[in-house]
Amino acid sequence: MLNRDPHHDGLPDTIVHDEVVPARAPWIHHIKKGQTLRIVDLEGNQAVDFLLYSEADDTERYSAQDTVAAQGNLFLRTGTVLRSNEGRPMMTIAATTVEYHDTIGGACSCESNTLRYGHHTKAQHACVENFLEANLTEGRGKRDIVANINFFMNVPVEADGALGIVDGISAPGLTVDLKAEMDVIVVVSNCPQINNPCNGFNPTPVRMIVAA
């Protein structure tokens, strides 16, 4: 009998896709209703920027506003329902071994890097460019990039409303499981940021496992 991969533990038995996404790379995949996507932070403290679109009509897409308003909390935890701009459930966080995830910190871009960290960073690759690269393969453009989720990223909110990107709370091998509530298109940027601690200043690979 073959040894079961420990990263498959707790997932349904049928693995339909299993891929390691390199550091700094984009990823796009269609996931059917009822399937589960597990994201594995292989080396720890790697931010995974994440967008969702309805496969049936990609003008319906993830809405941070609807998600936060429906649950009455800024942070994404086990049980959080990721809702669309039509208020419909798209995916549910079925389980996570990280305390919480972010949906207000946004995605890095060449422009924001320049503003925050100086003009010498303008040529550095960023999440908006990854989202655009992946989306262009299916005819979506820059205006289809909406406020995103940042799995494994730590963006605490202070009592005065201030927020910042600080050291992560993830670790090697920690995971988040997302169950699809409709047929969805998942678009990911395995964040290439090196100017703040969201990736520990060292972007690393992540693993994407889809099970049914």
C-alpha atoms as a PDB file:
ATOM      1  CA  MET A   1       0.000   0.000   0.000  1.00  0.00           C
ATOM      2  CA  LEU A   2       1.352   3.426  -0.973  1.00  0.00           C
ATOM      3  CA  ASN A   3       1.856   5.965   1.772  1.00  0.00           C
ATOM      4  CA  ARG A   4      -0.744   8.731   1.603  1.00  0.00           C
ATOM      5  CA  ASP A   5       0.614  12.213   1.072  1.00  0.00           C
ATOM      6  CA  PRO A   6       0.179  14.065   4.403  1.00  0.00           C
ATOM      7  CA  HIS A   7      -0.967  17.165   2.518  1.00  0.00           C
ATOM      8  CA  HIS A   8      -3.953  15.091   1.336  1.00  0.00           C
ATOM      9  CA  ASP A   9      -5.065  14.223   4.882  1.00  0.00           C
ATOM     10  CA  GLY A  10      -8.652  15.208   5.587  1.00  0.00           C
ATOM     11  CA  LEU A  11      -9.504  15.752   1.916  1.00  0.00           C
ATOM     12  CA  PRO A  12     -11.949  13.657  -0.118  1.00  0.00           C
ATOM     13  CA  ASP A  13     -10.253  10.576  -1.611  1.00  0.00           C
ATOM     14  CA  THR A  14     -10.302  11.638  -5.262  1.00  0.00           C
ATOM     15  CA  ILE A  15      -7.525  14.106  -6.058  1.00  0.00           C
ATOM     16  CA  VAL A  16      -8.382  15.763  -9.364  1.00  0.00           C
ATOM     17  CA  HIS A  17      -5.513  18.273  -9.498  1.00  0.00           C
ATOM     18  CA  ASP A  18      -2.275  18.709  -7.561  1.00  0.00           C
ATOM     19  CA  GLU A  19       0.264  21.372  -8.499  1.00  0.00           C
ATOM     20  CA  VAL A  20       3.070  23.347  -6.913  1.00  0.00           C
ATOM     21  CA  VAL A  21       2.907  27.011  -7.918  1.00  0.00           C
ATOM     22  CA  PRO A  22       6.394  28.530  -8.075  1.00  0.00           C
ATOM     23  CA  ALA A  23       7.335  31.620  -6.093  1.00  0.00           C
ATOM     24  CA  ARG A  24       6.105  34.864  -7.723  1.00  0.00           C
ATOM     25  CA  ALA A  25       3.911  33.001 -10.262  1.00  0.00           C
ATOM     26  CA  PRO A  26       0.233  33.309 -11.288  1.00  0.00           C
ATOM     27  CA  TRP A  27      -2.216  30.376 -11.306  1.00  0.00           C
ATOM     28  CA  ILE A  28      -5.710  29.885 -12.744  1.00  0.00           C
ATOM     29  CA  HIS A  29      -7.995  26.892 -12.373  1.00  0.00           C
ATOM     30  CA  HIS A  30     -11.685  26.012 -12.796  1.00  0.00           C
ATOM     31  CA  ILE A  31     -13.220  24.277  -9.762  1.00  0.00           C
ATOM     32  CA  LYS A  32     -16.601  22.592  -9.838  1.00  0.00           C
ATOM     33  CA  LYS A  33     -19.346  22.903  -7.245  1.00  0.00           C
ATOM     34  CA  GLY A  34     -18.695  20.497  -4.368  1.00  0.00           C
ATOM     35  CA  GLN A  35     -14.969  20.216  -4.991  1.00  0.00           C
ATOM     36  CA  THR A  36     -12.477  21.369  -2.354  1.00  0.00           C
ATOM     37  CA  LEU A  37      -9.368  23.435  -3.006  1.00  0.00           C
ATOM     38  CA  ARG A  38      -6.604  23.104  -0.420  1.00  0.00           C
ATOM     39  CA  ILE A  39      -3.860  25.742  -0.452  1.00  0.00           C
ATOM     40  CA  VAL A  40      -0.685  24.624   1.318  1.00  0.00           C
ATOM     41  CA  ASP A  41       1.825  27.201   2.545  1.00  0.00           C
ATOM     42  CA  LEU A  42       4.838  24.976   1.926  1.00  0.00           C
ATOM     43  CA  GLU A  43       7.591  27.018   3.564  1.00  0.00           C
ATOM     44  CA  GLY A  44       5.591  29.406   5.758  1.00  0.00           C
ATOM     45  CA  ASN A  45       4.504  33.056   5.671  1.00  0.00           C
ATOM     46  CA  GLN A  46       3.778  33.126   1.931  1.00  0.00           C
ATOM     47  CA  ALA A  47       0.894  35.415   0.996  1.00  0.00           C
ATOM     48  CA  VAL A  48      -1.493  33.981  -1.613  1.00  0.00           C
ATOM     49  CA  ASP A  49      -3.505  36.708  -3.350  1.00  0.00           C
ATOM     50  CA  PHE A  50      -6.806  35.218  -4.492  1.00  0.00           C
ATOM     51  CA  LEU A  51      -9.709  36.148  -6.793  1.00  0.00           C
ATOM     52  CA  LEU A  52     -12.906  34.282  -7.661  1.00  0.00           C
ATOM     53  CA  TYR A  53     -15.201  34.470 -10.679  1.00  0.00           C
ATOM     54  CA  SER A  54     -18.386  32.559 -11.462  1.00  0.00           C
ATOM     55  CA  GLU A  55     -17.721  30.115 -14.279  1.00  0.00           C
ATOM     56  CA  ALA A  56     -21.257  30.621 -15.623  1.00  0.00           C
ATOM     57  CA  ASP A  57     -20.914  34.412 -15.811  1.00  0.00           C
ATOM     58  CA  ASP A  58     -17.617  36.006 -14.879  1.00  0.00           C
ATOM     59  CA  THR A  59     -19.222  39.409 -14.270  1.00  0.00           C
ATOM     60  CA  GLU A  60     -20.255  37.774 -11.015  1.00  0.00           C
ATOM     61  CA  ARG A  61     -17.109  37.721  -8.903  1.00  0.00           C
ATOM     62  CA  TYR A  62     -15.808  37.786  -5.328  1.00  0.00           C
ATOM     63  CA  SER A  63     -16.931  40.760  -3.269  1.00  0.00           C
ATOM     64  CA  ALA A  64     -14.966  41.649  -0.146  1.00  0.00           C
ATOM     65  CA  GLN A  65     -17.725  44.094   0.813  1.00  0.00           C
ATOM     66  CA  ASP A  66     -20.520  41.511   0.633  1.00  0.00           C
ATOM     67  CA  THR A  67     -18.413  38.905   2.428  1.00  0.00           C
ATOM     68  CA  VAL A  68     -17.451  41.203   5.312  1.00  0.00           C
ATOM     69  CA  ALA A  69     -20.962  42.680   5.662  1.00  0.00           C
ATOM     70  CA  ALA A  70     -22.628  39.261   5.729  1.00  0.00           C
ATOM     71  CA  GLN A  71     -20.413  37.868   8.489  1.00  0.00           C
ATOM     72  CA  GLY A  72     -19.964  41.129  10.429  1.00  0.00           C
ATOM     73  CA  ASN A  73     -16.200  40.647  10.733  1.00  0.00           C
ATOM     74  CA  LEU A  74     -13.181  41.813   8.742  1.00  0.00           C
ATOM     75  CA  PHE A  75     -11.203  38.597   9.056  1.00  0.00           C
ATOM     76  CA  LEU A  76     -11.749  35.340   7.184  1.00  0.00           C
ATOM     77  CA  ARG A  77     -11.864  32.216   9.333  1.00  0.00           C
ATOM     78  CA  THR A  78     -13.234  28.672   9.286  1.00  0.00           C
ATOM     79  CA  GLY A  79     -16.887  28.934   8.293  1.00  0.00           C
ATOM     80  CA  THR A  80     -16.545  32.203   6.377  1.00  0.00           C
ATOM     81  CA  VAL A  81     -18.658  32.215   3.217  1.00  0.00           C
ATOM     82  CA  LEU A  82     -16.952  33.986   0.320  1.00  0.00           C
ATOM     83  CA  ARG A  83     -19.759  35.903  -1.377  1.00  0.00           C
ATOM     84  CA  SER A  84     -20.124  37.392  -4.839  1.00  0.00           C
ATOM     85  CA  ASN A  85     -21.148  40.891  -5.869  1.00  0.00           C
ATOM     86  CA  GLU A  86     -24.641  39.414  -6.146  1.00  0.00           C
ATOM     87  CA  GLY A  87     -24.485  38.229  -2.535  1.00  0.00           C
ATOM     88  CA  ARG A  88     -24.369  34.543  -3.462  1.00  0.00           C
ATOM     89  CA  PRO A  89     -22.034  32.012  -1.820  1.00  0.00           C
ATOM     90  CA  MET A  90     -19.084  31.194  -4.075  1.00  0.00           C
ATOM     91  CA  MET A  91     -16.839  29.188  -1.733  1.00  0.00           C
ATOM     92  CA  THR A  92     -16.765  28.417   1.989  1.00  0.00           C
ATOM     93  CA  ILE A  93     -13.658  28.196   4.163  1.00  0.00           C
ATOM     94  CA  ALA A  94     -14.275  24.635   5.312  1.00  0.00           C
ATOM     95  CA  ALA A  95     -11.135  24.482   7.452  1.00  0.00           C
ATOM     96  CA  THR A  96      -7.921  26.370   8.081  1.00  0.00           C
ATOM     97  CA  THR A  97      -4.914  25.798  10.309  1.00  0.00           C
ATOM     98  CA  VAL A  98      -4.169  29.545  10.346  1.00  0.00           C
ATOM     99  CA  GLU A  99      -6.088  31.733  12.809  1.00  0.00           C
ATOM    100  CA  TYR A 100      -7.403  34.138  10.172  1.00  0.00           C
ATOM    101  CA  HIS A 101      -6.841  35.514   6.669  1.00  0.00           C
ATOM    102  CA  ASP A 102      -7.052  39.017   5.183  1.00  0.00           C
ATOM    103  CA  THR A 103      -9.394  40.616   2.644  1.00  0.00           C
ATOM    104  CA  ILE A 104      -8.645  44.332   3.128  1.00  0.00           C
ATOM    105  CA  GLY A 105      -4.895  44.587   2.449  1.00  0.00           C
ATOM    106  CA  GLY A 106      -5.269  44.536  -1.336  1.00  0.00           C
ATOM    107  CA  ALA A 107      -2.807  43.401  -3.986  1.00  0.00           C
ATOM    108  CA  CYS A 108       0.610  44.900  -4.608  1.00  0.00           C
ATOM    109  CA  SER A 109       1.226  46.603  -7.947  1.00  0.00           C
ATOM    110  CA  CYS A 110       4.137  48.302  -9.668  1.00  0.00           C
ATOM    111  CA  GLU A 111       2.453  51.637  -8.933  1.00  0.00           C
ATOM    112  CA  SER A 112       1.879  50.993  -5.237  1.00  0.00           C
ATOM    113  CA  ASN A 113       5.400  49.605  -4.843  1.00  0.00           C
ATOM    114  CA  THR A 114       6.784  52.821  -6.324  1.00  0.00           C
ATOM    115  CA  LEU A 115       4.658  54.950  -4.011  1.00  0.00           C
ATOM    116  CA  ARG A 116       5.462  52.994  -0.858  1.00  0.00           C
ATOM    117  CA  TYR A 117       9.034  51.831  -1.395  1.00  0.00           C
ATOM    118  CA  GLY A 118      10.611  54.153  -3.994  1.00  0.00           C
ATOM    119  CA  HIS A 119      11.078  54.402  -7.737  1.00  0.00           C
ATOM    120  CA  HIS A 120      13.797  51.746  -7.734  1.00  0.00           C
ATOM    121  CA  THR A 121      11.034  49.119  -7.174  1.00  0.00           C
ATOM    122  CA  LYS A 122       9.007  50.033 -10.288  1.00  0.00           C
ATOM    123  CA  ALA A 123      10.386  47.169 -12.374  1.00  0.00           C
ATOM    124  CA  GLN A 124       9.625  44.563  -9.705  1.00  0.00           C
ATOM    125  CA  HIS A 125       6.912  42.040 -10.534  1.00  0.00           C
ATOM    126  CA  ALA A 126       3.700  42.394  -8.491  1.00  0.00           C
ATOM    127  CA  CYS A 127       0.355  40.706  -7.831  1.00  0.00           C
ATOM    128  CA  VAL A 128      -1.725  42.941 -10.111  1.00  0.00           C
ATOM    129  CA  GLU A 129       0.511  41.894 -13.011  1.00  0.00           C
ATOM    130  CA  ASN A 130       0.068  38.223 -12.052  1.00  0.00           C
ATOM    131  CA  PHE A 131      -3.720  38.630 -11.894  1.00  0.00           C
ATOM    132  CA  LEU A 132      -3.683  40.337 -15.285  1.00  0.00           C
ATOM    133  CA  GLU A 133      -1.476  37.637 -16.846  1.00  0.00           C
ATOM    134  CA  ALA A 134      -3.798  34.871 -15.660  1.00  0.00           C
ATOM    135  CA  ASN A 135      -7.032  36.694 -16.499  1.00  0.00           C
ATOM    136  CA  LEU A 136      -5.909  37.614 -20.018  1.00  0.00           C
ATOM    137  CA  THR A 137      -5.893  33.898 -20.890  1.00  0.00           C
ATOM    138  CA  GLU A 138      -9.708  33.991 -20.571  1.00  0.00           C
ATOM    139  CA  GLY A 139     -10.401  37.466 -21.922  1.00  0.00           C
ATOM    140  CA  ARG A 140     -10.583  39.418 -18.668  1.00  0.00           C
ATOM    141  CA  GLY A 141      -8.666  42.658 -18.232  1.00  0.00           C
ATOM    142  CA  LYS A 142      -7.458  45.065 -15.571  1.00  0.00           C
ATOM    143  CA  ARG A 143     -10.923  46.401 -14.736  1.00  0.00           C
ATOM    144  CA  ASP A 144     -11.975  42.831 -13.839  1.00  0.00           C
ATOM    145  CA  ILE A 145      -9.469  42.785 -10.957  1.00  0.00           C
ATOM    146  CA  VAL A 146     -11.418  43.530  -7.774  1.00  0.00           C
ATOM    147  CA  ALA A 147     -10.561  43.696  -4.066  1.00  0.00           C
ATOM    148  CA  ASN A 148      -8.958  40.348  -3.324  1.00  0.00           C
ATOM    149  CA  ILE A 149      -8.315  37.881  -0.518  1.00  0.00           C
ATOM    150  CA  ASN A 150      -4.820  37.472   0.936  1.00  0.00           C
ATOM    151  CA  PHE A 151      -4.541  33.985   2.364  1.00  0.00           C
ATOM    152  CA  PHE A 152      -1.841  33.555   5.040  1.00  0.00           C
ATOM    153  CA  MET A 153      -1.294  37.344   5.256  1.00  0.00           C
ATOM    154  CA  ASN A 154      -1.441  39.221   8.541  1.00  0.00           C
ATOM    155  CA  VAL A 155      -3.073  42.671   8.353  1.00  0.00           C
ATOM    156  CA  PRO A 156      -4.112  43.608  11.912  1.00  0.00           C
ATOM    157  CA  VAL A 157      -6.505  46.506  12.478  1.00  0.00           C
ATOM    158  CA  GLU A 158      -5.736  48.775  15.435  1.00  0.00           C
ATOM    159  CA  ALA A 159      -8.313  50.418  17.710  1.00  0.00           C
ATOM    160  CA  ASP A 160      -7.935  53.709  15.806  1.00  0.00           C
ATOM    161  CA  GLY A 161      -8.611  51.974  12.481  1.00  0.00           C
ATOM    162  CA  ALA A 162      -4.993  51.939  11.345  1.00  0.00           C
ATOM    163  CA  LEU A 163      -3.773  48.814   9.603  1.00  0.00           C
ATOM    164  CA  GLY A 164      -0.429  47.529   8.464  1.00  0.00           C
ATOM    165  CA  ILE A 165       1.233  44.546   6.824  1.00  0.00           C
ATOM    166  CA  VAL A 166       3.255  42.817   9.512  1.00  0.00           C
ATOM    167  CA  ASP A 167       5.001  39.509  10.155  1.00  0.00           C
ATOM    168  CA  GLY A 168       2.856  36.556   9.152  1.00  0.00           C
ATOM    169  CA  ILE A 169       1.109  34.067  11.409  1.00  0.00           C
ATOM    170  CA  SER A 170       1.492  31.102   9.087  1.00  0.00           C
ATOM    171  CA  ALA A 171       4.139  28.371   9.178  1.00  0.00           C
ATOM    172  CA  PRO A 172       5.421  25.570   6.929  1.00  0.00           C
ATOM    173  CA  GLY A 173       2.670  23.123   5.977  1.00  0.00           C
ATOM    174  CA  LEU A 174      -0.294  25.174   7.200  1.00  0.00           C
ATOM    175  CA  THR A 175      -3.384  25.096   5.007  1.00  0.00           C
ATOM    176  CA  VAL A 176      -6.735  26.543   4.063  1.00  0.00           C
ATOM    177  CA  ASP A 177      -9.536  24.420   2.555  1.00  0.00           C
ATOM    178  CA  LEU A 178     -12.160  26.057   0.335  1.00  0.00           C
ATOM    179  CA  LYS A 179     -15.317  24.228  -0.720  1.00  0.00           C
ATOM    180  CA  ALA A 180     -16.893  25.450  -3.961  1.00  0.00           C
ATOM    181  CA  GLU A 181     -20.559  26.429  -3.596  1.00  0.00           C
ATOM    182  CA  MET A 182     -20.851  27.025  -7.367  1.00  0.00           C
ATOM    183  CA  ASP A 183     -18.647  26.369 -10.396  1.00  0.00           C
ATOM    184  CA  VAL A 184     -15.860  28.933 -10.014  1.00  0.00           C
ATOM    185  CA  ILE A 185     -12.701  30.215 -11.638  1.00  0.00           C
ATOM    186  CA  VAL A 186      -9.895  30.694  -9.130  1.00  0.00           C
ATOM    187  CA  VAL A 187      -7.159  33.187 -10.012  1.00  0.00           C
ATOM    188  CA  VAL A 188      -4.096  33.372  -7.770  1.00  0.00           C
ATOM    189  CA  SER A 189      -0.965  35.438  -7.497  1.00  0.00           C
ATOM    190  CA  ASN A 190       1.664  33.696  -5.420  1.00  0.00           C
ATOM    191  CA  CYS A 191       2.763  37.058  -4.086  1.00  0.00           C
ATOM    192  CA  PRO A 192       6.176  38.267  -5.316  1.00  0.00           C
ATOM    193  CA  GLN A 193       6.461  41.121  -2.794  1.00  0.00           C
ATOM    194  CA  ILE A 194       9.967  41.545  -1.294  1.00  0.00           C
ATOM    195  CA  ASN A 195       9.619  45.019   0.258  1.00  0.00           C
ATOM    196  CA  ASN A 196       7.439  44.179   3.283  1.00  0.00           C
ATOM    197  CA  PRO A 197       7.130  41.174   5.609  1.00  0.00           C
ATOM    198  CA  CYS A 198       4.028  39.586   4.016  1.00  0.00           C
ATOM    199  CA  ASN A 199       6.312  36.894   2.527  1.00  0.00           C
ATOM    200  CA  GLY A 200       9.078  37.145   5.079  1.00  0.00           C
ATOM    201  CA  PHE A 201      10.955  39.138   2.380  1.00  0.00           C
ATOM    202  CA  ASN A 202      11.453  35.817   0.558  1.00  0.00           C
ATOM    203  CA  PRO A 203       8.683  34.573  -1.793  1.00  0.00           C
ATOM    204  CA  THR A 204       8.304  30.782  -1.809  1.00  0.00           C
ATOM    205  CA  PRO A 205       6.196  28.119  -3.602  1.00  0.00           C
ATOM    206  CA  VAL A 206       2.708  27.030  -2.547  1.00  0.00           C
ATOM    207  CA  ARG A 207       0.751  23.897  -3.364  1.00  0.00           C
ATOM    208  CA  MET A 208      -2.753  23.736  -4.830  1.00  0.00           C
ATOM    209  CA  ILE A 209      -4.728  20.508  -4.347  1.00  0.00           C
ATOM    210  CA  VAL A 210      -8.244  20.014  -5.706  1.00  0.00           C
ATOM    211  CA  ALA A 211     -10.253  17.078  -4.357  1.00  0.00           C
ATOM    212  CA  ALA A 212     -13.731  15.711  -5.004  1.00  0.00           C
END
